[in-house]
Amino acid sequence: MSSPTKEDLPRIADEIEQEKGQQQLLKSIETFEAEKLHHAKTEEKNPLPTKEEIEAEKKAMA
């Protein structure tokens, strides 16, 4: 039986880099400072029509 070639060996370096990235992501989530966030006012850009607007459009189409 011959010894495995370099290509046959598992790519551990890639797996280690992925694990480091995962750990870095988890650490950044754990140390996230929610106090730095600020409230934002949400504006509805496409509001739904009111009942009166629907009735007026129905009358206009009839």
PDB file of N, CA and C in Angstrom:
ATOM      1  N   MET A   1       0.841  -1.178   0.000  1.00  0.00           N
ATOM      2  CA  MET A   1       0.000   0.000   0.000  1.00  0.00           C
ATOM      3  C   MET A   1       0.888   1.244   0.000  1.00  0.00           C
ATOM      4  N   SER A   2       0.626   2.172  -0.894  1.00  0.00           N
ATOM      5  CA  SER A   2       1.458   3.364  -1.002  1.00  0.00           C
ATOM      6  C   SER A   2       0.950   4.452  -0.062  1.00  0.00           C
ATOM      7  N   SER A   3       1.818   5.371   0.260  1.00  0.00           N
ATOM      8  CA  SER A   3       1.419   6.471   1.142  1.00  0.00           C
ATOM      9  C   SER A   3       0.578   7.470   0.356  1.00  0.00           C
ATOM     10  N   PRO A   4      -0.333   8.176   1.035  1.00  0.00           N
ATOM     11  CA  PRO A   4      -1.219   9.106   0.327  1.00  0.00           C
ATOM     12  C   PRO A   4      -0.439  10.300  -0.229  1.00  0.00           C
ATOM     13  N   THR A   5      -0.928  10.808  -1.323  1.00  0.00           N
ATOM     14  CA  THR A   5      -0.299  11.983  -1.921  1.00  0.00           C
ATOM     15  C   THR A   5      -0.832  13.241  -1.239  1.00  0.00           C
ATOM     16  N   LYS A   6      -0.232  14.343  -1.555  1.00  0.00           N
ATOM     17  CA  LYS A   6      -0.637  15.624  -0.967  1.00  0.00           C
ATOM     18  C   LYS A   6      -2.092  15.939  -1.296  1.00  0.00           C
ATOM     19  N   GLU A   7      -2.518  15.595  -2.510  1.00  0.00           N
ATOM     20  CA  GLU A   7      -3.887  15.879  -2.930  1.00  0.00           C
ATOM     21  C   GLU A   7      -4.911  15.011  -2.199  1.00  0.00           C
ATOM     22  N   ASP A   8      -4.476  13.838  -1.725  1.00  0.00           N
ATOM     23  CA  ASP A   8      -5.386  12.926  -1.035  1.00  0.00           C
ATOM     24  C   ASP A   8      -5.639  13.341   0.414  1.00  0.00           C
ATOM     25  N   LEU A   9      -4.761  14.139   0.979  1.00  0.00           N
ATOM     26  CA  LEU A   9      -4.905  14.541   2.379  1.00  0.00           C
ATOM     27  C   LEU A   9      -6.022  15.571   2.526  1.00  0.00           C
ATOM     28  N   PRO A  10      -6.712  15.564   3.663  1.00  0.00           N
ATOM     29  CA  PRO A  10      -7.796  16.552   3.861  1.00  0.00           C
ATOM     30  C   PRO A  10      -7.237  17.964   3.954  1.00  0.00           C
ATOM     31  N   ARG A  11      -8.046  18.924   3.561  1.00  0.00           N
ATOM     32  CA  ARG A  11      -7.640  20.328   3.565  1.00  0.00           C
ATOM     33  C   ARG A  11      -7.983  20.935   4.920  1.00  0.00           C
ATOM     34  N   ILE A  12      -7.115  20.733   5.868  1.00  0.00           N
ATOM     35  CA  ILE A  12      -7.350  21.192   7.231  1.00  0.00           C
ATOM     36  C   ILE A  12      -7.249  22.709   7.322  1.00  0.00           C
ATOM     37  N   ALA A  13      -6.389  23.323   6.547  1.00  0.00           N
ATOM     38  CA  ALA A  13      -6.206  24.775   6.622  1.00  0.00           C
ATOM     39  C   ALA A  13      -7.512  25.500   6.323  1.00  0.00           C
ATOM     40  N   ASP A  14      -8.260  25.021   5.335  1.00  0.00           N
ATOM     41  CA  ASP A  14      -9.537  25.652   5.005  1.00  0.00           C
ATOM     42  C   ASP A  14     -10.526  25.514   6.156  1.00  0.00           C
ATOM     43  N   GLU A  15     -10.553  24.339   6.768  1.00  0.00           N
ATOM     44  CA  GLU A  15     -11.468  24.106   7.884  1.00  0.00           C
ATOM     45  C   GLU A  15     -11.099  24.971   9.088  1.00  0.00           C
ATOM     46  N   ILE A  16      -9.806  25.150   9.309  1.00  0.00           N
ATOM     47  CA  ILE A  16      -9.352  25.993  10.424  1.00  0.00           C
ATOM     48  C   ILE A  16      -9.755  27.438  10.177  1.00  0.00           C
ATOM     49  N   GLU A  17      -9.597  27.919   8.955  1.00  0.00           N
ATOM     50  CA  GLU A  17      -9.991  29.289   8.624  1.00  0.00           C
ATOM     51  C   GLU A  17     -11.490  29.485   8.809  1.00  0.00           C
ATOM     52  N   GLN A  18     -12.283  28.494   8.425  1.00  0.00           N
ATOM     53  CA  GLN A  18     -13.727  28.587   8.615  1.00  0.00           C
ATOM     54  C   GLN A  18     -14.070  28.636  10.100  1.00  0.00           C
ATOM     55  N   GLU A  19     -13.393  27.819  10.896  1.00  0.00           N
ATOM     56  CA  GLU A  19     -13.650  27.796  12.339  1.00  0.00           C
ATOM     57  C   GLU A  19     -13.253  29.128  12.976  1.00  0.00           C
ATOM     58  N   LYS A  20     -12.136  29.699  12.551  1.00  0.00           N
ATOM     59  CA  LYS A  20     -11.722  30.999  13.075  1.00  0.00           C
ATOM     60  C   LYS A  20     -12.739  32.075  12.718  1.00  0.00           C
ATOM     61  N   GLY A  21     -13.238  32.037  11.505  1.00  0.00           N
ATOM     62  CA  GLY A  21     -14.248  32.999  11.083  1.00  0.00           C
ATOM     63  C   GLY A  21     -15.521  32.860  11.897  1.00  0.00           C
ATOM     64  N   GLN A  22     -15.917  31.621  12.169  1.00  0.00           N
ATOM     65  CA  GLN A  22     -17.113  31.363  12.978  1.00  0.00           C
ATOM     66  C   GLN A  22     -16.921  31.905  14.393  1.00  0.00           C
ATOM     67  N   GLN A  23     -15.755  31.656  14.974  1.00  0.00           N
ATOM     68  CA  GLN A  23     -15.478  32.140  16.326  1.00  0.00           C
ATOM     69  C   GLN A  23     -15.452  33.662  16.362  1.00  0.00           C
ATOM     70  N   GLN A  24     -14.894  34.281  15.354  1.00  0.00           N
ATOM     71  CA  GLN A  24     -14.837  35.743  15.293  1.00  0.00           C
ATOM     72  C   GLN A  24     -16.238  36.325  15.179  1.00  0.00           C
ATOM     73  N   LEU A  25     -17.089  35.691  14.397  1.00  0.00           N
ATOM     74  CA  LEU A  25     -18.470  36.139  14.255  1.00  0.00           C
ATOM     75  C   LEU A  25     -19.210  36.044  15.587  1.00  0.00           C
ATOM     76  N   LEU A  26     -19.069  34.914  16.271  1.00  0.00           N
ATOM     77  CA  LEU A  26     -19.739  34.738  17.560  1.00  0.00           C
ATOM     78  C   LEU A  26     -19.239  35.750  18.590  1.00  0.00           C
ATOM     79  N   LYS A  27     -17.938  36.029  18.577  1.00  0.00           N
ATOM     80  CA  LYS A  27     -17.384  37.000  19.516  1.00  0.00           C
ATOM     81  C   LYS A  27     -17.939  38.397  19.242  1.00  0.00           C
ATOM     82  N   SER A  28     -18.060  38.760  17.961  1.00  0.00           N
ATOM     83  CA  SER A  28     -18.588  40.086  17.639  1.00  0.00           C
ATOM     84  C   SER A  28     -20.058  40.197  18.021  1.00  0.00           C
ATOM     85  N   ILE A  29     -20.800  39.106  17.941  1.00  0.00           N
ATOM     86  CA  ILE A  29     -22.202  39.122  18.364  1.00  0.00           C
ATOM     87  C   ILE A  29     -22.294  39.279  19.875  1.00  0.00           C
ATOM     88  N   GLU A  30     -21.433  38.574  20.598  1.00  0.00           N
ATOM     89  CA  GLU A  30     -21.457  38.638  22.061  1.00  0.00           C
ATOM     90  C   GLU A  30     -21.075  40.020  22.577  1.00  0.00           C
ATOM     91  N   THR A  31     -20.176  40.702  21.888  1.00  0.00           N
ATOM     92  CA  THR A  31     -19.695  42.000  22.371  1.00  0.00           C
ATOM     93  C   THR A  31     -20.423  43.169  21.720  1.00  0.00           C
ATOM     94  N   PHE A  32     -21.499  42.903  21.000  1.00  0.00           N
ATOM     95  CA  PHE A  32     -22.258  43.953  20.324  1.00  0.00           C
ATOM     96  C   PHE A  32     -22.882  44.890  21.353  1.00  0.00           C
ATOM     97  N   GLU A  33     -22.756  46.185  21.130  1.00  0.00           N
ATOM     98  CA  GLU A  33     -23.292  47.180  22.051  1.00  0.00           C
ATOM     99  C   GLU A  33     -24.592  47.740  21.485  1.00  0.00           C
ATOM    100  N   ALA A  34     -25.699  47.302  22.039  1.00  0.00           N
ATOM    101  CA  ALA A  34     -27.014  47.732  21.558  1.00  0.00           C
ATOM    102  C   ALA A  34     -27.277  49.200  21.888  1.00  0.00           C
ATOM    103  N   GLU A  35     -26.554  49.750  22.850  1.00  0.00           N
ATOM    104  CA  GLU A  35     -26.758  51.151  23.229  1.00  0.00           C
ATOM    105  C   GLU A  35     -26.357  52.100  22.101  1.00  0.00           C
ATOM    106  N   LYS A  36     -25.527  51.653  21.191  1.00  0.00           N
ATOM    107  CA  LYS A  36     -25.088  52.507  20.086  1.00  0.00           C
ATOM    108  C   LYS A  36     -26.163  52.668  19.018  1.00  0.00           C
ATOM    109  N   LEU A  37     -27.180  51.825  19.073  1.00  0.00           N
ATOM    110  CA  LEU A  37     -28.264  51.928  18.098  1.00  0.00           C
ATOM    111  C   LEU A  37     -29.165  53.099  18.451  1.00  0.00           C
ATOM    112  N   HIS A  38     -29.774  53.687  17.453  1.00  0.00           N
ATOM    113  CA  HIS A  38     -30.710  54.776  17.705  1.00  0.00           C
ATOM    114  C   HIS A  38     -32.043  54.447  17.039  1.00  0.00           C
ATOM    115  N   HIS A  39     -33.090  55.026  17.572  1.00  0.00           N
ATOM    116  CA  HIS A  39     -34.418  54.766  17.041  1.00  0.00           C
ATOM    117  C   HIS A  39     -34.589  55.475  15.701  1.00  0.00           C
ATOM    118  N   ALA A  40     -35.316  54.834  14.828  1.00  0.00           N
ATOM    119  CA  ALA A  40     -35.597  55.415  13.518  1.00  0.00           C
ATOM    120  C   ALA A  40     -37.100  55.478  13.326  1.00  0.00           C
ATOM    121  N   LYS A  41     -37.541  56.570  12.761  1.00  0.00           N
ATOM    122  CA  LYS A  41     -38.961  56.723  12.488  1.00  0.00           C
ATOM    123  C   LYS A  41     -39.253  56.060  11.143  1.00  0.00           C
ATOM    124  N   THR A  42     -40.190  55.139  11.158  1.00  0.00           N
ATOM    125  CA  THR A  42     -40.534  54.460   9.913  1.00  0.00           C
ATOM    126  C   THR A  42     -41.696  55.178   9.255  1.00  0.00           C
ATOM    127  N   GLU A  43     -41.574  55.359   7.967  1.00  0.00           N
ATOM    128  CA  GLU A  43     -42.626  56.009   7.200  1.00  0.00           C
ATOM    129  C   GLU A  43     -43.143  55.017   6.170  1.00  0.00           C
ATOM    130  N   GLU A  44     -44.444  54.895   6.097  1.00  0.00           N
ATOM    131  CA  GLU A  44     -45.045  53.999   5.127  1.00  0.00           C
ATOM    132  C   GLU A  44     -45.100  54.719   3.788  1.00  0.00           C
ATOM    133  N   LYS A  45     -44.345  54.223   2.828  1.00  0.00           N
ATOM    134  CA  LYS A  45     -44.241  54.905   1.545  1.00  0.00           C
ATOM    135  C   LYS A  45     -45.390  54.550   0.608  1.00  0.00           C
ATOM    136  N   ASN A  46     -45.984  53.396   0.797  1.00  0.00           N
ATOM    137  CA  ASN A  46     -47.072  52.974  -0.073  1.00  0.00           C
ATOM    138  C   ASN A  46     -48.250  52.553   0.813  1.00  0.00           C
ATOM    139  N   PRO A  47     -48.954  53.525   1.382  1.00  0.00           N
ATOM    140  CA  PRO A  47     -50.044  53.168   2.300  1.00  0.00           C
ATOM    141  C   PRO A  47     -51.217  52.536   1.552  1.00  0.00           C
ATOM    142  N   LEU A  48     -51.935  51.682   2.259  1.00  0.00           N
ATOM    143  CA  LEU A  48     -53.119  51.063   1.674  1.00  0.00           C
ATOM    144  C   LEU A  48     -54.242  52.088   1.584  1.00  0.00           C
ATOM    145  N   PRO A  49     -55.111  51.941   0.600  1.00  0.00           N
ATOM    146  CA  PRO A  49     -56.219  52.897   0.472  1.00  0.00           C
ATOM    147  C   PRO A  49     -57.233  52.712   1.600  1.00  0.00           C
ATOM    148  N   THR A  50     -57.873  53.810   1.965  1.00  0.00           N
ATOM    149  CA  THR A  50     -58.899  53.745   3.006  1.00  0.00           C
ATOM    150  C   THR A  50     -60.186  53.199   2.405  1.00  0.00           C
ATOM    151  N   LYS A  51     -61.129  52.878   3.271  1.00  0.00           N
ATOM    152  CA  LYS A  51     -62.414  52.352   2.812  1.00  0.00           C
ATOM    153  C   LYS A  51     -63.114  53.372   1.914  1.00  0.00           C
ATOM    154  N   GLU A  52     -63.017  54.643   2.283  1.00  0.00           N
ATOM    155  CA  GLU A  52     -63.655  55.698   1.498  1.00  0.00           C
ATOM    156  C   GLU A  52     -63.033  55.801   0.104  1.00  0.00           C
ATOM    157  N   GLU A  53     -61.718  55.679   0.021  1.00  0.00           N
ATOM    158  CA  GLU A  53     -61.043  55.744  -1.273  1.00  0.00           C
ATOM    159  C   GLU A  53     -61.450  54.576  -2.171  1.00  0.00           C
ATOM    160  N   ILE A  54     -61.618  53.405  -1.589  1.00  0.00           N
ATOM    161  CA  ILE A  54     -62.043  52.237  -2.363  1.00  0.00           C
ATOM    162  C   ILE A  54     -63.455  52.444  -2.898  1.00  0.00           C
ATOM    163  N   GLU A  55     -64.337  52.931  -2.039  1.00  0.00           N
ATOM    164  CA  GLU A  55     -65.722  53.182  -2.460  1.00  0.00           C
ATOM    165  C   GLU A  55     -65.776  54.238  -3.566  1.00  0.00           C
ATOM    166  N   ALA A  56     -64.993  55.298  -3.442  1.00  0.00           N
ATOM    167  CA  ALA A  56     -64.983  56.354  -4.452  1.00  0.00           C
ATOM    168  C   ALA A  56     -64.483  55.808  -5.791  1.00  0.00           C
ATOM    169  N   GLU A  57     -63.476  54.942  -5.751  1.00  0.00           N
ATOM    170  CA  GLU A  57     -62.956  54.378  -6.988  1.00  0.00           C
ATOM    171  C   GLU A  57     -63.972  53.427  -7.625  1.00  0.00           C
ATOM    172  N   LYS A  58     -64.683  52.656  -6.798  1.00  0.00           N
ATOM    173  CA  LYS A  58     -65.720  51.765  -7.329  1.00  0.00           C
ATOM    174  C   LYS A  58     -66.820  52.569  -8.021  1.00  0.00           C
ATOM    175  N   LYS A  59     -67.211  53.687  -7.409  1.00  0.00           N
ATOM    176  CA  LYS A  59     -68.251  54.532  -8.004  1.00  0.00           C
ATOM    177  C   LYS A  59     -67.760  55.153  -9.308  1.00  0.00           C
ATOM    178  N   ALA A  60     -66.495  55.537  -9.353  1.00  0.00           N
ATOM    179  CA  ALA A  60     -65.941  56.165 -10.546  1.00  0.00           C
ATOM    180  C   ALA A  60     -65.846  55.166 -11.698  1.00  0.00           C
ATOM    181  N   MET A  61     -65.631  53.896 -11.390  1.00  0.00           N
ATOM    182  CA  MET A  61     -65.498  52.883 -12.436  1.00  0.00           C
ATOM    183  C   MET A  61     -66.863  52.412 -12.938  1.00  0.00           C
ATOM    184  N   ALA A  62     -67.906  52.591 -12.135  1.00  0.00           N
ATOM    185  CA  ALA A  62     -69.236  52.110 -12.533  1.00  0.00           C
ATOM    186  C   ALA A  62     -69.934  53.044 -13.479  1.00  0.00           C
TER     187      ALA A  62
END
